[in-house]
Amino acid sequence: MTDKFKKQMENLKNNIDNKIKNLLENSDELQEFIKFHKANFKTYSIRNTLLIYTQYPTAQHVAGFNKWKELGFEIKKGEKAIKILVPLIKKASDSDEKIYGYKYVNVFDISQVQDKDGKAIKTPIIDVELKAKKSTKYSSDMLYKSTKEAIEDDCCVFLDKNISALGYTDGKRIFIKDSGKYVDMTGIMVHEYIHLKNHYIGKKRSKNQEEVEAEIGSVIYGAYFNLDIKNLYKYIAIYSKDVDLQECFDMAYKTVETFIERVEQRLNIYNEDVA
């Protein structure tokens, strides 16, 4: 890593708190997104999160039949429910409640519902794509190819046009939605690579911390290759509650630093071949 890049990383690290604070306070786009999801989708326990993942690994936002109906949507014909556990509670006294068991209930992912005219659900969205700039040195397809090959030193990467999530990992493999947007797909691969390398071993972190670490990895990667990273901060802002951003930055940087070197080695080889 050059001294120039190290200085750039130090500036990123020092300014990340202010960038996130500014987004949370001043971005109408981000506030609308957060408000909608807080109002309409519950936070699920670790147990239920695992249940959802094992049944529907690309799930993004799940809710019950009645909640989707309340929001004005219906379940697509033929969709199979995702089963989660909810506690059975009885009152022991006016001030005390006790759980005496659990029962399964059905929920459905956002990709399994549609409006009454058969159209897919539309919710507030924010642009969190990684993009190229005019001054970006490498072509989108070359950067994508080199990054994919560097990641495949450690694990397999699979492309699929049909998955609903932009990307996910099971700790052994990485799955990426084939959107045709090579720069954004590259950033998503880096995000999932951080998950794979750090979040399936060792000390368990919170969901928020894991997501922030993964996306900061994409920020560092994008900064190094002179990509447009401003939208990535919106993703970090969503998950930034109760997270030590500086600690997350250090974890992400430690993983990305050597990985970037492998990507650059491949890019240099391709450049030599073209020349």
Protein backbone atom coordinates (compact mmCIF):
# COMPACT_ATOMS: atom_id res chain seq x y z
CA MET A 1 0.00 0.00 0.00
CA THR A 2 1.32 3.45 -0.92
CA ASP A 3 1.74 6.29 1.57
CA LYS A 4 -0.93 8.20 -0.37
CA PHE A 5 -3.44 5.38 0.15
CA LYS A 6 -2.56 5.02 3.83
CA LYS A 7 -3.26 8.73 4.28
CA GLN A 8 -6.55 8.32 2.40
CA MET A 9 -7.52 5.45 4.71
CA GLU A 10 -6.71 7.54 7.77
CA ASN A 11 -8.99 10.30 6.46
CA LEU A 12 -11.76 7.78 5.79
CA LYS A 13 -11.45 6.39 9.29
CA ASN A 14 -11.41 9.82 10.94
CA ASN A 15 -14.40 11.12 8.98
CA ILE A 16 -16.68 8.09 8.99
CA ASP A 17 -18.56 9.08 12.17
CA ASN A 18 -19.37 12.53 10.77
CA LYS A 19 -20.47 11.12 7.41
CA ILE A 20 -22.90 8.69 9.07
CA LYS A 21 -24.23 11.30 11.48
CA ASN A 22 -24.83 13.72 8.63
CA LEU A 23 -26.70 11.09 6.60
CA LEU A 24 -28.94 10.08 9.50
CA GLU A 25 -29.83 13.70 10.23
CA ASN A 26 -30.12 15.15 6.74
CA SER A 27 -30.91 12.44 4.18
CA ASP A 28 -34.67 12.38 3.48
CA GLU A 29 -34.16 9.28 1.31
CA LEU A 30 -32.53 7.37 4.17
CA GLN A 31 -35.02 8.55 6.80
CA GLU A 32 -37.98 7.43 4.66
CA PHE A 33 -36.42 3.98 4.21
CA ILE A 34 -35.65 3.50 7.92
CA LYS A 35 -39.09 4.73 8.99
CA PHE A 36 -40.89 2.31 6.69
CA HIS A 37 -38.93 -0.73 7.76
CA LYS A 38 -39.17 0.06 11.46
CA ALA A 39 -42.93 0.44 11.15
CA ASN A 40 -43.61 -2.68 9.12
CA PHE A 41 -40.99 -5.35 9.81
CA LYS A 42 -40.16 -6.88 13.17
CA THR A 43 -36.67 -7.65 14.44
CA TYR A 44 -36.38 -11.40 14.81
CA SER A 45 -34.44 -13.41 17.36
CA ILE A 46 -31.25 -15.27 16.50
CA ARG A 47 -33.21 -18.53 16.58
CA ASN A 48 -35.79 -17.27 14.11
CA THR A 49 -33.16 -15.63 11.96
CA LEU A 50 -31.51 -19.05 11.60
CA LEU A 51 -34.88 -20.68 10.87
CA ILE A 52 -35.58 -18.14 8.15
CA TYR A 53 -32.12 -18.55 6.67
CA THR A 54 -32.25 -22.35 6.50
CA GLN A 55 -35.63 -22.27 4.74
CA TYR A 56 -35.14 -19.19 2.54
CA PRO A 57 -31.50 -18.08 2.48
CA THR A 58 -32.14 -15.06 0.24
CA ALA A 59 -34.91 -13.62 2.45
CA GLN A 60 -34.68 -9.87 3.05
CA HIS A 61 -37.84 -8.76 4.90
CA VAL A 62 -40.45 -11.20 6.22
CA ALA A 63 -43.92 -10.64 7.65
CA GLY A 64 -47.04 -12.68 8.32
CA PHE A 65 -50.03 -13.09 6.01
CA ASN A 66 -52.11 -10.51 7.88
CA LYS A 67 -49.32 -7.92 7.92
CA TRP A 68 -48.86 -8.18 4.17
CA LYS A 69 -52.65 -7.89 3.74
CA GLU A 70 -52.68 -4.84 6.01
CA LEU A 71 -50.03 -3.25 3.79
CA GLY A 72 -52.17 -3.93 0.73
CA PHE A 73 -50.37 -6.96 -0.68
CA GLU A 74 -51.13 -10.63 -1.22
CA ILE A 75 -49.01 -13.77 -1.30
CA LYS A 76 -48.10 -14.97 -4.79
CA LYS A 77 -49.80 -18.18 -5.84
CA GLY A 78 -47.75 -21.29 -5.06
CA GLU A 79 -45.37 -19.59 -2.61
CA LYS A 80 -44.32 -21.76 0.34
CA ALA A 81 -44.46 -20.21 3.82
CA ILE A 82 -41.40 -19.77 6.02
CA LYS A 83 -42.01 -21.11 9.51
CA ILE A 84 -40.78 -19.27 12.61
CA LEU A 85 -41.37 -19.73 16.34
CA VAL A 86 -43.39 -17.32 18.47
CA PRO A 87 -43.68 -17.58 22.26
CA LEU A 88 -46.87 -18.55 24.07
CA ILE A 89 -47.26 -16.14 27.00
CA LYS A 90 -49.49 -16.16 30.04
CA LYS A 91 -49.83 -13.62 32.80
CA ALA A 92 -48.46 -14.75 36.15
CA SER A 93 -49.56 -11.46 37.74
CA ASP A 94 -50.43 -7.93 36.72
CA SER A 95 -46.75 -7.10 36.31
CA ASP A 96 -45.30 -10.47 35.30
CA GLU A 97 -45.62 -12.58 32.16
CA LYS A 98 -44.24 -16.06 31.60
CA ILE A 99 -43.45 -18.00 28.45
CA TYR A 100 -44.93 -21.49 28.66
CA GLY A 101 -44.12 -22.74 25.19
CA TYR A 102 -43.71 -21.91 21.51
CA LYS A 103 -45.69 -22.43 18.34
CA TYR A 104 -44.86 -22.22 14.67
CA VAL A 105 -46.36 -19.44 12.55
CA ASN A 106 -46.02 -18.71 8.86
CA VAL A 107 -44.27 -15.69 7.38
CA PHE A 108 -43.43 -14.71 3.81
CA ASP A 109 -40.51 -12.82 2.32
CA ILE A 110 -40.94 -9.57 0.41
CA SER A 111 -40.05 -11.42 -2.80
CA GLN A 112 -43.06 -13.72 -2.29
CA VAL A 113 -45.73 -11.03 -2.35
CA GLN A 114 -47.41 -8.80 -4.93
CA ASP A 115 -50.09 -6.15 -5.12
CA LYS A 116 -53.64 -6.97 -6.22
CA ASP A 117 -52.74 -6.32 -9.86
CA GLY A 118 -49.98 -8.91 -9.71
CA LYS A 119 -47.14 -6.40 -9.48
CA ALA A 120 -44.18 -6.93 -7.16
CA ILE A 121 -44.14 -4.98 -3.90
CA LYS A 122 -42.66 -1.52 -3.99
CA THR A 123 -41.07 -0.19 -0.83
CA PRO A 124 -38.88 2.83 -0.20
CA ILE A 125 -35.42 2.01 -1.53
CA ILE A 126 -32.09 3.75 -1.33
CA ASP A 127 -29.25 3.69 -3.80
CA VAL A 128 -26.38 1.80 -2.18
CA GLU A 129 -24.55 0.84 -5.37
CA LEU A 130 -20.83 1.05 -5.88
CA LYS A 131 -20.18 2.91 -9.13
CA ALA A 132 -17.34 3.83 -11.43
CA LYS A 133 -16.14 7.39 -11.95
CA LYS A 134 -14.77 8.96 -15.12
CA SER A 135 -11.34 8.90 -13.52
CA THR A 136 -11.51 5.21 -12.50
CA LYS A 137 -8.36 3.58 -13.88
CA TYR A 138 -9.60 0.08 -14.64
CA SER A 139 -12.54 -1.02 -16.78
CA SER A 140 -15.58 -2.43 -14.97
CA ASP A 141 -15.27 -5.92 -16.43
CA MET A 142 -11.51 -6.12 -15.74
CA LEU A 143 -11.97 -5.03 -12.13
CA TYR A 144 -14.83 -7.49 -11.68
CA LYS A 145 -12.88 -10.39 -13.20
CA SER A 146 -9.75 -9.72 -11.13
CA THR A 147 -11.73 -9.37 -7.90
CA LYS A 148 -13.68 -12.57 -8.51
CA GLU A 149 -10.48 -14.50 -9.21
CA ALA A 150 -8.81 -13.12 -6.06
CA ILE A 151 -11.80 -14.15 -3.95
CA GLU A 152 -11.80 -17.60 -5.56
CA ASP A 153 -8.36 -18.16 -4.05
CA ASP A 154 -10.35 -18.74 -0.85
CA CYS A 155 -13.83 -19.87 -1.90
CA CYS A 156 -16.15 -20.44 -4.84
CA VAL A 157 -18.27 -17.58 -6.19
CA PHE A 158 -21.56 -18.43 -7.92
CA LEU A 159 -23.63 -16.08 -10.08
CA ASP A 160 -27.42 -16.44 -10.24
CA LYS A 161 -29.90 -14.14 -11.99
CA ASN A 162 -32.83 -15.56 -10.03
CA ILE A 163 -31.90 -14.95 -6.37
CA SER A 164 -33.78 -12.11 -4.68
CA ALA A 165 -30.86 -10.91 -2.55
CA LEU A 166 -27.98 -9.03 -4.16
CA GLY A 167 -25.58 -11.45 -2.51
CA TYR A 168 -25.09 -13.79 0.43
CA THR A 169 -22.65 -16.35 1.81
CA ASP A 170 -23.05 -19.57 3.76
CA GLY A 171 -19.52 -19.29 5.17
CA LYS A 172 -18.07 -21.56 2.51
CA ARG A 173 -19.36 -20.11 -0.77
CA ILE A 174 -20.47 -16.72 -2.05
CA PHE A 175 -23.60 -16.21 -4.16
CA ILE A 176 -24.07 -13.03 -6.19
CA LYS A 177 -27.09 -11.87 -8.15
CA ASP A 178 -26.06 -11.49 -11.78
CA SER A 179 -27.37 -7.97 -12.41
CA GLY A 180 -24.94 -7.12 -15.19
CA LYS A 181 -23.69 -4.12 -13.18
CA TYR A 182 -20.09 -5.20 -12.85
CA VAL A 183 -18.85 -2.50 -10.48
CA ASP A 184 -21.75 -2.98 -8.06
CA MET A 185 -21.45 -6.76 -8.24
CA THR A 186 -17.76 -6.35 -7.40
CA GLY A 187 -18.61 -4.34 -4.29
CA ILE A 188 -21.17 -6.94 -3.22
CA MET A 189 -18.58 -9.71 -3.62
CA VAL A 190 -16.19 -7.81 -1.37
CA HIS A 191 -18.98 -7.31 1.19
CA GLU A 192 -19.76 -11.03 1.27
CA TYR A 193 -16.06 -11.88 1.35
CA ILE A 194 -15.68 -9.89 4.59
CA HIS A 195 -18.58 -11.88 6.04
CA LEU A 196 -17.06 -15.18 4.96
CA LYS A 197 -13.61 -14.41 6.35
CA ASN A 198 -14.69 -12.91 9.68
CA HIS A 199 -18.21 -13.83 10.73
CA TYR A 200 -18.31 -17.61 10.69
CA ILE A 201 -15.45 -18.15 13.10
CA GLY A 202 -14.38 -16.74 16.46
CA LYS A 203 -16.33 -14.35 18.64
CA LYS A 204 -19.95 -13.76 17.64
CA ARG A 205 -20.76 -10.18 16.69
CA SER A 206 -24.09 -8.42 16.46
CA LYS A 207 -25.90 -8.33 13.11
CA ASN A 208 -25.31 -4.58 12.95
CA GLN A 209 -21.58 -4.89 13.55
CA GLU A 210 -21.19 -7.64 10.95
CA GLU A 211 -23.01 -5.61 8.30
CA VAL A 212 -21.03 -2.45 9.06
CA GLU A 213 -17.71 -4.32 8.93
CA ALA A 214 -18.65 -5.90 5.60
CA GLU A 215 -19.72 -2.63 3.99
CA ILE A 216 -16.72 -0.70 5.30
CA GLY A 217 -14.67 -3.35 3.51
CA SER A 218 -16.41 -2.33 0.27
CA VAL A 219 -15.73 1.34 1.07
CA ILE A 220 -12.00 0.67 1.53
CA TYR A 221 -11.88 -1.39 -1.65
CA GLY A 222 -13.75 1.28 -3.62
CA ALA A 223 -11.52 4.06 -2.31
CA TYR A 224 -8.38 2.17 -3.32
CA PHE A 225 -9.58 1.65 -6.90
CA ASN A 226 -10.96 5.20 -7.21
CA LEU A 227 -14.64 4.20 -7.38
CA ASP A 228 -17.65 6.26 -6.34
CA ILE A 229 -18.29 5.10 -2.74
CA LYS A 230 -20.66 7.81 -1.49
CA ASN A 231 -23.78 5.58 -1.66
CA LEU A 232 -22.16 2.88 0.47
CA TYR A 233 -22.31 5.15 3.51
CA LYS A 234 -26.12 4.93 3.40
CA TYR A 235 -25.93 1.17 3.95
CA ILE A 236 -23.54 1.67 6.86
CA ALA A 237 -25.86 4.28 8.37
CA ILE A 238 -28.78 1.82 8.45
CA TYR A 239 -26.79 -0.62 10.60
CA SER A 240 -24.71 1.86 12.59
CA LYS A 241 -26.77 1.88 15.81
CA ASP A 242 -24.74 0.72 18.85
CA VAL A 243 -21.73 -0.04 16.65
CA ASP A 244 -18.16 1.14 17.16
CA LEU A 245 -17.36 2.40 13.67
CA GLN A 246 -13.64 2.70 14.37
CA GLU A 247 -13.44 -0.91 15.55
CA CYS A 248 -15.34 -2.05 12.46
CA PHE A 249 -12.98 -0.08 10.23
CA ASP A 250 -9.92 -1.75 11.76
CA MET A 251 -11.42 -5.22 11.27
CA ALA A 252 -12.39 -4.54 7.65
CA TYR A 253 -9.06 -2.94 6.79
CA LYS A 254 -7.14 -5.90 8.19
CA THR A 255 -9.01 -8.25 5.84
CA VAL A 256 -9.10 -6.04 2.75
CA GLU A 257 -5.47 -4.91 2.81
CA THR A 258 -3.90 -8.18 1.64
CA PHE A 259 -6.88 -9.04 -0.55
CA ILE A 260 -6.50 -5.79 -2.54
CA GLU A 261 -2.88 -6.69 -3.27
CA ARG A 262 -4.02 -9.94 -4.90
CA VAL A 263 -6.57 -8.07 -7.00
CA GLU A 264 -3.98 -5.54 -8.13
CA GLN A 265 -1.50 -8.26 -9.09
CA ARG A 266 -4.11 -9.73 -11.44
CA LEU A 267 -4.99 -6.32 -12.87
CA ASN A 268 -1.33 -5.66 -13.66
CA ILE A 269 -1.04 -9.01 -15.43
CA TYR A 270 -4.12 -8.25 -17.55
CA ASN A 271 -2.75 -4.81 -18.39
CA GLU A 272 0.53 -6.36 -19.54
CA ASP A 273 -1.34 -8.85 -21.72
CA VAL A 274 -3.38 -6.07 -23.32
CA ALA A 275 -0.27 -3.97 -23.91
